[in-house]
mmCIF file of all heavy atoms, coordinates in Angstrom:
data_MODEL
# 
_entry.id   MODEL 
# 
loop_
_atom_site.group_PDB 
_atom_site.id 
_atom_site.type_symbol 
_atom_site.label_atom_id 
_atom_site.label_alt_id 
_atom_site.label_comp_id 
_atom_site.label_asym_id 
_atom_site.label_entity_id 
_atom_site.label_seq_id 
_atom_site.pdbx_PDB_ins_code 
_atom_site.Cartn_x 
_atom_site.Cartn_y 
_atom_site.Cartn_z 
_atom_site.occupancy 
_atom_site.B_iso_or_equiv 
_atom_site.pdbx_formal_charge 
_atom_site.auth_seq_id 
_atom_site.auth_comp_id 
_atom_site.auth_asym_id 
_atom_site.auth_atom_id 
_atom_site.pdbx_PDB_model_num 
ATOM 1   N N   . GLY A 1 1  ? -95.229  15.126 -18.037 1.00 0.00 ? 1  GLY A N   1 
ATOM 2   C CA  . GLY A 1 1  ? -94.734  15.677 -19.290 1.00 0.00 ? 1  GLY A CA  1 
ATOM 3   C C   . GLY A 1 1  ? -95.288  17.001 -19.736 1.00 0.00 ? 1  GLY A C   1 
ATOM 4   O O   . GLY A 1 1  ? -94.623  17.749 -20.431 1.00 0.00 ? 1  GLY A O   1 
ATOM 5   N N   . MET A 1 2  ? -96.533  17.318 -19.373 1.00 0.00 ? 2  MET A N   1 
ATOM 6   C CA  . MET A 1 2  ? -97.143  18.534 -19.900 1.00 0.00 ? 2  MET A CA  1 
ATOM 7   C C   . MET A 1 2  ? -96.765  19.781 -19.110 1.00 0.00 ? 2  MET A C   1 
ATOM 8   O O   . MET A 1 2  ? -97.124  20.891 -19.502 1.00 0.00 ? 2  MET A O   1 
ATOM 9   C CB  . MET A 1 2  ? -98.651  18.361 -19.961 1.00 0.00 ? 2  MET A CB  1 
ATOM 10  C CG  . MET A 1 2  ? -99.056  17.291 -20.965 1.00 0.00 ? 2  MET A CG  1 
ATOM 11  S SD  . MET A 1 2  ? -100.842 17.139 -21.089 1.00 0.00 ? 2  MET A SD  1 
ATOM 12  C CE  . MET A 1 2  ? -100.973 16.045 -22.493 1.00 0.00 ? 2  MET A CE  1 
ATOM 13  N N   . ASN A 1 3  ? -96.048  19.616 -18.007 1.00 0.00 ? 3  ASN A N   1 
ATOM 14  C CA  . ASN A 1 3  ? -95.585  20.769 -17.228 1.00 0.00 ? 3  ASN A CA  1 
ATOM 15  C C   . ASN A 1 3  ? -94.348  21.375 -17.883 1.00 0.00 ? 3  ASN A C   1 
ATOM 16  O O   . ASN A 1 3  ? -93.383  20.664 -18.154 1.00 0.00 ? 3  ASN A O   1 
ATOM 17  C CB  . ASN A 1 3  ? -95.243  20.357 -15.799 1.00 0.00 ? 3  ASN A CB  1 
ATOM 18  C CG  . ASN A 1 3  ? -96.470  19.955 -15.014 1.00 0.00 ? 3  ASN A CG  1 
ATOM 19  O OD1 . ASN A 1 3  ? -97.573  20.392 -15.309 1.00 0.00 ? 3  ASN A OD1 1 
ATOM 20  N ND2 . ASN A 1 3  ? -96.285  19.109 -14.027 1.00 0.00 ? 3  ASN A ND2 1 
ATOM 21  N N   . HIS A 1 4  ? -94.372  22.681 -18.124 1.00 0.00 ? 4  HIS A N   1 
ATOM 22  C CA  . HIS A 1 4  ? -93.201  23.376 -18.673 1.00 0.00 ? 4  HIS A CA  1 
ATOM 23  C C   . HIS A 1 4  ? -92.266  23.682 -17.508 1.00 0.00 ? 4  HIS A C   1 
ATOM 24  O O   . HIS A 1 4  ? -92.556  24.541 -16.676 1.00 0.00 ? 4  HIS A O   1 
ATOM 25  C CB  . HIS A 1 4  ? -93.620  24.667 -19.387 1.00 0.00 ? 4  HIS A CB  1 
ATOM 26  C CG  . HIS A 1 4  ? -92.502  25.323 -20.111 1.00 0.00 ? 4  HIS A CG  1 
ATOM 27  N ND1 . HIS A 1 4  ? -92.034  24.852 -21.323 1.00 0.00 ? 4  HIS A ND1 1 
ATOM 28  C CD2 . HIS A 1 4  ? -91.735  26.388 -19.811 1.00 0.00 ? 4  HIS A CD2 1 
ATOM 29  C CE1 . HIS A 1 4  ? -91.039  25.617 -21.732 1.00 0.00 ? 4  HIS A CE1 1 
ATOM 30  N NE2 . HIS A 1 4  ? -90.831  26.556 -20.824 1.00 0.00 ? 4  HIS A NE2 1 
ATOM 31  N N   . THR A 1 5  ? -91.185  22.953 -17.426 1.00 0.00 ? 5  THR A N   1 
ATOM 32  C CA  . THR A 1 5  ? -90.307  23.055 -16.264 1.00 0.00 ? 5  THR A CA  1 
ATOM 33  C C   . THR A 1 5  ? -88.877  22.706 -16.648 1.00 0.00 ? 5  THR A C   1 
ATOM 34  O O   . THR A 1 5  ? -88.608  22.285 -17.775 1.00 0.00 ? 5  THR A O   1 
ATOM 35  C CB  . THR A 1 5  ? -90.798  22.124 -15.140 1.00 0.00 ? 5  THR A CB  1 
ATOM 36  O OG1 . THR A 1 5  ? -90.050  22.370 -13.964 1.00 0.00 ? 5  THR A OG1 1 
ATOM 37  C CG2 . THR A 1 5  ? -90.686  20.662 -15.533 1.00 0.00 ? 5  THR A CG2 1 
ATOM 38  N N   . THR A 1 6  ? -87.962  22.900 -15.702 1.00 0.00 ? 6  THR A N   1 
ATOM 39  C CA  . THR A 1 6  ? -86.560  22.565 -15.928 1.00 0.00 ? 6  THR A CA  1 
ATOM 40  C C   . THR A 1 6  ? -86.310  21.130 -15.514 1.00 0.00 ? 6  THR A C   1 
ATOM 41  O O   . THR A 1 6  ? -86.598  20.737 -14.382 1.00 0.00 ? 6  THR A O   1 
ATOM 42  C CB  . THR A 1 6  ? -85.641  23.503 -15.117 1.00 0.00 ? 6  THR A CB  1 
ATOM 43  O OG1 . THR A 1 6  ? -85.867  24.852 -15.527 1.00 0.00 ? 6  THR A OG1 1 
ATOM 44  C CG2 . THR A 1 6  ? -84.174  23.146 -15.347 1.00 0.00 ? 6  THR A CG2 1 
ATOM 45  N N   . ARG A 1 7  ? -85.774  20.337 -16.426 1.00 0.00 ? 7  ARG A N   1 
ATOM 46  C CA  . ARG A 1 7  ? -85.406  18.940 -16.159 1.00 0.00 ? 7  ARG A CA  1 
ATOM 47  C C   . ARG A 1 7  ? -83.901  18.883 -15.957 1.00 0.00 ? 7  ARG A C   1 
ATOM 48  O O   . ARG A 1 7  ? -83.140  19.387 -16.770 1.00 0.00 ? 7  ARG A O   1 
ATOM 49  C CB  . ARG A 1 7  ? -85.794  18.037 -17.333 1.00 0.00 ? 7  ARG A CB  1 
ATOM 50  C CG  . ARG A 1 7  ? -87.229  18.171 -17.779 1.00 0.00 ? 7  ARG A CG  1 
ATOM 51  C CD  . ARG A 1 7  ? -88.184  17.656 -16.748 1.00 0.00 ? 7  ARG A CD  1 
ATOM 52  N NE  . ARG A 1 7  ? -89.560  17.787 -17.212 1.00 0.00 ? 7  ARG A NE  1 
ATOM 53  C CZ  . ARG A 1 7  ? -90.596  17.329 -16.557 1.00 0.00 ? 7  ARG A CZ  1 
ATOM 54  N NH1 . ARG A 1 7  ? -90.429  16.701 -15.405 1.00 0.00 ? 7  ARG A NH1 1 
ATOM 55  N NH2 . ARG A 1 7  ? -91.815  17.497 -17.026 1.00 0.00 ? 7  ARG A NH2 1 
ATOM 56  N N   . ARG A 1 8  ? -83.462  18.265 -14.862 1.00 0.00 ? 8  ARG A N   1 
ATOM 57  C CA  . ARG A 1 8  ? -82.031  18.112 -14.576 1.00 0.00 ? 8  ARG A CA  1 
ATOM 58  C C   . ARG A 1 8  ? -81.626  16.674 -14.900 1.00 0.00 ? 8  ARG A C   1 
ATOM 59  O O   . ARG A 1 8  ? -82.100  15.732 -14.264 1.00 0.00 ? 8  ARG A O   1 
ATOM 60  C CB  . ARG A 1 8  ? -81.732  18.426 -13.117 1.00 0.00 ? 8  ARG A CB  1 
ATOM 61  C CG  . ARG A 1 8  ? -81.817  19.913 -12.809 1.00 0.00 ? 8  ARG A CG  1 
ATOM 62  C CD  . ARG A 1 8  ? -81.585  20.205 -11.336 1.00 0.00 ? 8  ARG A CD  1 
ATOM 63  N NE  . ARG A 1 8  ? -80.273  19.783 -10.866 1.00 0.00 ? 8  ARG A NE  1 
ATOM 64  C CZ  . ARG A 1 8  ? -79.193  20.546 -10.856 1.00 0.00 ? 8  ARG A CZ  1 
ATOM 65  N NH1 . ARG A 1 8  ? -79.251  21.785 -11.302 1.00 0.00 ? 8  ARG A NH1 1 
ATOM 66  N NH2 . ARG A 1 8  ? -78.057  20.091 -10.394 1.00 0.00 ? 8  ARG A NH2 1 
ATOM 67  N N   . ILE A 1 9  ? -80.765  16.538 -15.889 1.00 0.00 ? 9  ILE A N   1 
ATOM 68  C CA  . ILE A 1 9  ? -80.284  15.221 -16.298 1.00 0.00 ? 9  ILE A CA  1 
ATOM 69  C C   . ILE A 1 9  ? -78.866  15.053 -15.783 1.00 0.00 ? 9  ILE A C   1 
ATOM 70  O O   . ILE A 1 9  ? -77.950  15.773 -16.195 1.00 0.00 ? 9  ILE A O   1 
ATOM 71  C CB  . ILE A 1 9  ? -80.317  15.059 -17.832 1.00 0.00 ? 9  ILE A CB  1 
ATOM 72  C CG1 . ILE A 1 9  ? -81.710  15.386 -18.376 1.00 0.00 ? 9  ILE A CG1 1 
ATOM 73  C CG2 . ILE A 1 9  ? -79.904  13.647 -18.224 1.00 0.00 ? 9  ILE A CG2 1 
ATOM 74  C CD1 . ILE A 1 9  ? -81.778  15.468 -19.880 1.00 0.00 ? 9  ILE A CD1 1 
ATOM 75  N N   . GLN A 1 10 ? -78.687  14.112 -14.867 1.00 0.00 ? 10 GLN A N   1 
ATOM 76  C CA  . GLN A 1 10 ? -77.372  13.806 -14.307 1.00 0.00 ? 10 GLN A CA  1 
ATOM 77  C C   . GLN A 1 10 ? -76.626  12.904 -15.286 1.00 0.00 ? 10 GLN A C   1 
ATOM 78  O O   . GLN A 1 10 ? -77.114  11.839 -15.633 1.00 0.00 ? 10 GLN A O   1 
ATOM 79  C CB  . GLN A 1 10 ? -77.528  13.090 -12.962 1.00 0.00 ? 10 GLN A CB  1 
ATOM 80  C CG  . GLN A 1 10 ? -76.216  12.670 -12.336 1.00 0.00 ? 10 GLN A CG  1 
ATOM 81  C CD  . GLN A 1 10 ? -75.462  13.853 -11.753 1.00 0.00 ? 10 GLN A CD  1 
ATOM 82  O OE1 . GLN A 1 10 ? -76.009  14.623 -10.988 1.00 0.00 ? 10 GLN A OE1 1 
ATOM 83  N NE2 . GLN A 1 10 ? -74.210  13.978 -12.119 1.00 0.00 ? 10 GLN A NE2 1 
ATOM 84  N N   . LEU A 1 11 ? -75.462  13.340 -15.747 1.00 0.00 ? 11 LEU A N   1 
ATOM 85  C CA  . LEU A 1 11 ? -74.663  12.538 -16.659 1.00 0.00 ? 11 LEU A CA  1 
ATOM 86  C C   . LEU A 1 11 ? -73.653  11.715 -15.877 1.00 0.00 ? 11 LEU A C   1 
ATOM 87  O O   . LEU A 1 11 ? -73.347  12.019 -14.725 1.00 0.00 ? 11 LEU A O   1 
ATOM 88  C CB  . LEU A 1 11 ? -73.953  13.434 -17.682 1.00 0.00 ? 11 LEU A CB  1 
ATOM 89  C CG  . LEU A 1 11 ? -74.794  13.885 -18.884 1.00 0.00 ? 11 LEU A CG  1 
ATOM 90  C CD1 . LEU A 1 11 ? -76.034  14.649 -18.474 1.00 0.00 ? 11 LEU A CD1 1 
ATOM 91  C CD2 . LEU A 1 11 ? -73.972  14.711 -19.837 1.00 0.00 ? 11 LEU A CD2 1 
ATOM 92  N N   . GLN A 1 12 ? -73.146  10.684 -16.507 1.00 0.00 ? 12 GLN A N   1 
ATOM 93  C CA  . GLN A 1 12 ? -72.142  9.838  -15.871 1.00 0.00 ? 12 GLN A CA  1 
ATOM 94  C C   . GLN A 1 12 ? -70.879  10.643 -15.584 1.00 0.00 ? 12 GLN A C   1 
ATOM 95  O O   . GLN A 1 12 ? -70.508  11.540 -16.343 1.00 0.00 ? 12 GLN A O   1 
ATOM 96  C CB  . GLN A 1 12 ? -71.788  8.655  -16.790 1.00 0.00 ? 12 GLN A CB  1 
ATOM 97  C CG  . GLN A 1 12 ? -72.913  7.649  -16.944 1.00 0.00 ? 12 GLN A CG  1 
ATOM 98  C CD  . GLN A 1 12 ? -73.134  6.866  -15.673 1.00 0.00 ? 12 GLN A CD  1 
ATOM 99  O OE1 . GLN A 1 12 ? -72.215  6.278  -15.133 1.00 0.00 ? 12 GLN A OE1 1 
ATOM 100 N NE2 . GLN A 1 12 ? -74.360  6.867  -15.182 1.00 0.00 ? 12 GLN A NE2 1 
ATOM 101 N N   . THR A 1 13 ? -70.216  10.304 -14.487 1.00 0.00 ? 13 THR A N   1 
ATOM 102 C CA  . THR A 1 13 ? -68.960  10.950 -14.128 1.00 0.00 ? 13 THR A CA  1 
ATOM 103 C C   . THR A 1 13 ? -67.962  10.809 -15.273 1.00 0.00 ? 13 THR A C   1 
ATOM 104 O O   . THR A 1 13 ? -67.881  9.759  -15.908 1.00 0.00 ? 13 THR A O   1 
ATOM 105 C CB  . THR A 1 13 ? -68.388  10.319 -12.851 1.00 0.00 ? 13 THR A CB  1 
ATOM 106 O OG1 . THR A 1 13 ? -69.358  10.480 -11.805 1.00 0.00 ? 13 THR A OG1 1 
ATOM 107 C CG2 . THR A 1 13 ? -67.091  10.965 -12.442 1.00 0.00 ? 13 THR A CG2 1 
ATOM 108 N N   . THR A 1 14 ? -67.227  11.871 -15.542 1.00 0.00 ? 14 THR A N   1 
ATOM 109 C CA  . THR A 1 14 ? -66.283  11.843 -16.650 1.00 0.00 ? 14 THR A CA  1 
ATOM 110 C C   . THR A 1 14 ? -64.941  12.439 -16.250 1.00 0.00 ? 14 THR A C   1 
ATOM 111 O O   . THR A 1 14 ? -64.844  13.228 -15.308 1.00 0.00 ? 14 THR A O   1 
ATOM 112 C CB  . THR A 1 14 ? -66.853  12.603 -17.871 1.00 0.00 ? 14 THR A CB  1 
ATOM 113 O OG1 . THR A 1 14 ? -66.029  12.372 -19.015 1.00 0.00 ? 14 THR A OG1 1 
ATOM 114 C CG2 . THR A 1 14 ? -66.934  14.098 -17.606 1.00 0.00 ? 14 THR A CG2 1 
ATOM 115 N N   . CYS A 1 15 ? -63.920  12.035 -16.961 1.00 0.00 ? 15 CYS A N   1 
ATOM 116 C CA  . CYS A 1 15 ? -62.579  12.600 -16.835 1.00 0.00 ? 15 CYS A CA  1 
ATOM 117 C C   . CYS A 1 15 ? -61.997  12.646 -18.243 1.00 0.00 ? 15 CYS A C   1 
ATOM 118 O O   . CYS A 1 15 ? -61.702  11.594 -18.829 1.00 0.00 ? 15 CYS A O   1 
ATOM 119 C CB  . CYS A 1 15 ? -61.714  11.745 -15.906 1.00 0.00 ? 15 CYS A CB  1 
ATOM 120 S SG  . CYS A 1 15 ? -60.026  12.370 -15.732 1.00 0.00 ? 15 CYS A SG  1 
ATOM 121 N N   . ILE A 1 16 ? -61.884  13.847 -18.802 1.00 0.00 ? 16 ILE A N   1 
ATOM 122 C CA  . ILE A 1 16 ? -61.469  13.958 -20.196 1.00 0.00 ? 16 ILE A CA  1 
ATOM 123 C C   . ILE A 1 16 ? -60.801  15.309 -20.444 1.00 0.00 ? 16 ILE A C   1 
ATOM 124 O O   . ILE A 1 16 ? -61.095  16.292 -19.779 1.00 0.00 ? 16 ILE A O   1 
ATOM 125 C CB  . ILE A 1 16 ? -62.697  13.791 -21.141 1.00 0.00 ? 16 ILE A CB  1 
ATOM 126 C CG1 . ILE A 1 16 ? -62.266  13.697 -22.607 1.00 0.00 ? 16 ILE A CG1 1 
ATOM 127 C CG2 . ILE A 1 16 ? -63.711  14.906 -20.924 1.00 0.00 ? 16 ILE A CG2 1 
ATOM 128 C CD1 . ILE A 1 16 ? -63.396  13.300 -23.549 1.00 0.00 ? 16 ILE A CD1 1 
ATOM 129 N N   . ARG A 1 17 ? -59.894  15.310 -21.411 1.00 0.00 ? 17 ARG A N   1 
ATOM 130 C CA  . ARG A 1 17 ? -59.322  16.551 -21.933 1.00 0.00 ? 17 ARG A CA  1 
ATOM 131 C C   . ARG A 1 17 ? -59.794  16.692 -23.363 1.00 0.00 ? 17 ARG A C   1 
ATOM 132 O O   . ARG A 1 17 ? -59.518  15.835 -24.205 1.00 0.00 ? 17 ARG A O   1 
ATOM 133 C CB  . ARG A 1 17 ? -57.793  16.523 -21.898 1.00 0.00 ? 17 ARG A CB  1 
ATOM 134 C CG  . ARG A 1 17 ? -57.161  17.795 -22.500 1.00 0.00 ? 17 ARG A CG  1 
ATOM 135 C CD  . ARG A 1 17 ? -55.651  17.688 -22.593 1.00 0.00 ? 17 ARG A CD  1 
ATOM 136 N NE  . ARG A 1 17 ? -55.222  16.702 -23.574 1.00 0.00 ? 17 ARG A NE  1 
ATOM 137 C CZ  . ARG A 1 17 ? -55.048  16.947 -24.885 1.00 0.00 ? 17 ARG A CZ  1 
ATOM 138 N NH1 . ARG A 1 17 ? -55.272  18.151 -25.370 1.00 0.00 ? 17 ARG A NH1 1 
ATOM 139 N NH2 . ARG A 1 17 ? -54.644  15.992 -25.686 1.00 0.00 ? 17 ARG A NH2 1 
ATOM 140 N N   . ILE A 1 18 ? -60.510  17.772 -23.641 1.00 0.00 ? 18 ILE A N   1 
ATOM 141 C CA  . ILE A 1 18 ? -60.948  18.053 -25.005 1.00 0.00 ? 18 ILE A CA  1 
ATOM 142 C C   . ILE A 1 18 ? -59.973  19.073 -25.568 1.00 0.00 ? 18 ILE A C   1 
ATOM 143 O O   . ILE A 1 18 ? -59.856  20.190 -25.047 1.00 0.00 ? 18 ILE A O   1 
ATOM 144 C CB  . ILE A 1 18 ? -62.394  18.579 -25.033 1.00 0.00 ? 18 ILE A CB  1 
ATOM 145 C CG1 . ILE A 1 18 ? -63.320  17.545 -24.398 1.00 0.00 ? 18 ILE A CG1 1 
ATOM 146 C CG2 . ILE A 1 18 ? -62.826  18.892 -26.460 1.00 0.00 ? 18 ILE A CG2 1 
ATOM 147 C CD1 . ILE A 1 18 ? -64.746  17.989 -24.264 1.00 0.00 ? 18 ILE A CD1 1 
ATOM 148 N N   . PRO A 1 19 ? -59.227  18.700 -26.599 1.00 0.00 ? 19 PRO A N   1 
ATOM 149 C CA  . PRO A 1 19 ? -58.153  19.586 -27.067 1.00 0.00 ? 19 PRO A CA  1 
ATOM 150 C C   . PRO A 1 19 ? -58.654  20.820 -27.807 1.00 0.00 ? 19 PRO A C   1 
ATOM 151 O O   . PRO A 1 19 ? -59.747  20.838 -28.365 1.00 0.00 ? 19 PRO A O   1 
ATOM 152 C CB  . PRO A 1 19 ? -57.335  18.679 -27.995 1.00 0.00 ? 19 PRO A CB  1 
ATOM 153 C CG  . PRO A 1 19 ? -58.256  17.606 -28.417 1.00 0.00 ? 19 PRO A CG  1 
ATOM 154 C CD  . PRO A 1 19 ? -59.250  17.423 -27.315 1.00 0.00 ? 19 PRO A CD  1 
ATOM 155 N N   . GLN A 1 20 ? -57.821  21.831 -27.778 1.00 0.00 ? 20 GLN A N   1 
ATOM 156 C CA  . GLN A 1 20 ? -58.056  23.055 -28.539 1.00 0.00 ? 20 GLN A CA  1 
ATOM 157 C C   . GLN A 1 20 ? -58.358  22.695 -29.988 1.00 0.00 ? 20 GLN A C   1 
ATOM 158 O O   . GLN A 1 20 ? -57.720  21.825 -30.573 1.00 0.00 ? 20 GLN A O   1 
ATOM 159 C CB  . GLN A 1 20 ? -56.812  23.927 -28.465 1.00 0.00 ? 20 GLN A CB  1 
ATOM 160 C CG  . GLN A 1 20 ? -56.862  25.180 -29.300 1.00 0.00 ? 20 GLN A CG  1 
ATOM 161 C CD  . GLN A 1 20 ? -55.565  25.963 -29.226 1.00 0.00 ? 20 GLN A CD  1 
ATOM 162 O OE1 . GLN A 1 20 ? -54.717  25.698 -28.389 1.00 0.00 ? 20 GLN A OE1 1 
ATOM 163 N NE2 . GLN A 1 20 ? -55.416  26.916 -30.120 1.00 0.00 ? 20 GLN A NE2 1 
ATOM 164 N N   . GLY A 1 21 ? -59.347  23.367 -30.557 1.00 0.00 ? 21 GLY A N   1 
ATOM 165 C CA  . GLY A 1 21 ? -59.725  23.102 -31.947 1.00 0.00 ? 21 GLY A CA  1 
ATOM 166 C C   . GLY A 1 21 ? -60.919  22.184 -32.073 1.00 0.00 ? 21 GLY A C   1 
ATOM 167 O O   . GLY A 1 21 ? -61.628  22.219 -33.076 1.00 0.00 ? 21 GLY A O   1 
ATOM 168 N N   . ASN A 1 22 ? -61.143  21.319 -31.074 1.00 0.00 ? 22 ASN A N   1 
ATOM 169 C CA  . ASN A 1 22 ? -62.342  20.494 -31.072 1.00 0.00 ? 22 ASN A CA  1 
ATOM 170 C C   . ASN A 1 22 ? -63.493  21.302 -30.485 1.00 0.00 ? 22 ASN A C   1 
ATOM 171 O O   . ASN A 1 22 ? -63.296  22.324 -29.837 1.00 0.00 ? 22 ASN A O   1 
ATOM 172 C CB  . ASN A 1 22 ? -62.137  19.217 -30.253 1.00 0.00 ? 22 ASN A CB  1 
ATOM 173 C CG  . ASN A 1 22 ? -61.258  18.211 -30.973 1.00 0.00 ? 22 ASN A CG  1 
ATOM 174 O OD1 . ASN A 1 22 ? -60.703  18.502 -32.023 1.00 0.00 ? 22 ASN A OD1 1 
ATOM 175 N ND2 . ASN A 1 22 ? -61.114  17.031 -30.401 1.00 0.00 ? 22 ASN A ND2 1 
ATOM 176 N N   . SER A 1 23 ? -64.717  20.824 -30.705 1.00 0.00 ? 23 SER A N   1 
ATOM 177 C CA  . SER A 1 23 ? -65.911  21.487 -30.176 1.00 0.00 ? 23 SER A CA  1 
ATOM 178 C C   . SER A 1 23 ? -66.615  20.551 -29.206 1.00 0.00 ? 23 SER A C   1 
ATOM 179 O O   . SER A 1 23 ? -66.430  19.331 -29.241 1.00 0.00 ? 23 SER A O   1 
ATOM 180 C CB  . SER A 1 23 ? -66.869  21.852 -31.310 1.00 0.00 ? 23 SER A CB  1 
ATOM 181 O OG  . SER A 1 23 ? -66.255  22.738 -32.214 1.00 0.00 ? 23 SER A OG  1 
ATOM 182 N N   . LEU A 1 24 ? -67.451  21.122 -28.370 1.00 0.00 ? 24 LEU A N   1 
ATOM 183 C CA  . LEU A 1 24 ? -68.271  20.373 -27.432 1.00 0.00 ? 24 LEU A CA  1 
ATOM 184 C C   . LEU A 1 24 ? -69.677  20.300 -28.003 1.00 0.00 ? 24 LEU A C   1 
ATOM 185 O O   . LEU A 1 24 ? -70.194  21.305 -28.515 1.00 0.00 ? 24 LEU A O   1 
ATOM 186 C CB  . LEU A 1 24 ? -68.282  21.083 -26.079 1.00 0.00 ? 24 LEU A CB  1 
ATOM 187 C CG  . LEU A 1 24 ? -68.993  20.411 -24.921 1.00 0.00 ? 24 LEU A CG  1 
ATOM 188 C CD1 . LEU A 1 24 ? -68.250  19.141 -24.513 1.00 0.00 ? 24 LEU A CD1 1 
ATOM 189 C CD2 . LEU A 1 24 ? -69.078  21.368 -23.740 1.00 0.00 ? 24 LEU A CD2 1 
ATOM 190 N N   . ARG A 1 25 ? -70.323  19.126 -27.932 1.00 0.00 ? 25 ARG A N   1 
ATOM 191 C CA  . ARG A 1 25 ? -71.678  18.977 -28.467 1.00 0.00 ? 25 ARG A CA  1 
ATOM 192 C C   . ARG A 1 25 ? -72.581  18.278 -27.468 1.00 0.00 ? 25 ARG A C   1 
ATOM 193 O O   . ARG A 1 25 ? -72.200  17.279 -26.864 1.00 0.00 ? 25 ARG A O   1 
ATOM 194 C CB  . ARG A 1 25 ? -71.677  18.176 -29.764 1.00 0.00 ? 25 ARG A CB  1 
ATOM 195 C CG  . ARG A 1 25 ? -73.104  17.844 -30.262 1.00 0.00 ? 25 ARG A CG  1 
ATOM 196 C CD  . ARG A 1 25 ? -73.122  17.144 -31.592 1.00 0.00 ? 25 ARG A CD  1 
ATOM 197 N NE  . ARG A 1 25 ? -72.712  18.080 -32.643 1.00 0.00 ? 25 ARG A NE  1 
ATOM 198 C CZ  . ARG A 1 25 ? -72.554  17.725 -33.918 1.00 0.00 ? 25 ARG A CZ  1 
ATOM 199 N NH1 . ARG A 1 25 ? -72.755  16.473 -34.295 1.00 0.00 ? 25 ARG A NH1 1 
ATOM 200 N NH2 . ARG A 1 25 ? -72.177  18.631 -34.811 1.00 0.00 ? 25 ARG A NH2 1 
ATOM 201 N N   . LEU A 1 26 ? -73.795  18.816 -27.326 1.00 0.00 ? 26 LEU A N   1 
ATOM 202 C CA  . LEU A 1 26 ? -74.872  18.139 -26.616 1.00 0.00 ? 26 LEU A CA  1 
ATOM 203 C C   . LEU A 1 26 ? -75.842  17.609 -27.652 1.00 0.00 ? 26 LEU A C   1 
ATOM 204 O O   . LEU A 1 26 ? -76.308  18.361 -28.516 1.00 0.00 ? 26 LEU A O   1 
ATOM 205 C CB  . LEU A 1 26 ? -75.604  19.097 -25.669 1.00 0.00 ? 26 LEU A CB  1 
ATOM 206 C CG  . LEU A 1 26 ? -76.888  18.534 -25.060 1.00 0.00 ? 26 LEU A CG  1 
ATOM 207 C CD1 . LEU A 1 26 ? -76.585  17.400 -24.093 1.00 0.00 ? 26 LEU A CD1 1 
ATOM 208 C CD2 . LEU A 1 26 ? -77.696  19.632 -24.387 1.00 0.00 ? 26 LEU A CD2 1 
ATOM 209 N N   . SER A 1 27 ? -76.148  16.319 -27.569 1.00 0.00 ? 27 SER A N   1 
ATOM 210 C CA  . SER A 1 27 ? -77.170  15.703 -28.415 1.00 0.00 ? 27 SER A CA  1 
ATOM 211 C C   . SER A 1 27 ? -78.333  15.330 -27.513 1.00 0.00 ? 27 SER A C   1 
ATOM 212 O O   . SER A 1 27 ? -78.140  14.662 -26.490 1.00 0.00 ? 27 SER A O   1 
ATOM 213 C CB  . SER A 1 27 ? -76.630  14.450 -29.106 1.00 0.00 ? 27 SER A CB  1 
ATOM 214 O OG  . SER A 1 27 ? -75.473  14.763 -29.855 1.00 0.00 ? 27 SER A OG  1 
# 
């Protein structure tokens, strides 16, 4: 944890259409 480094988080496979007007959010 104390190392300042890049963590790669693999997310679950997805298939989605995000329509115009909506926003994308990372939590």
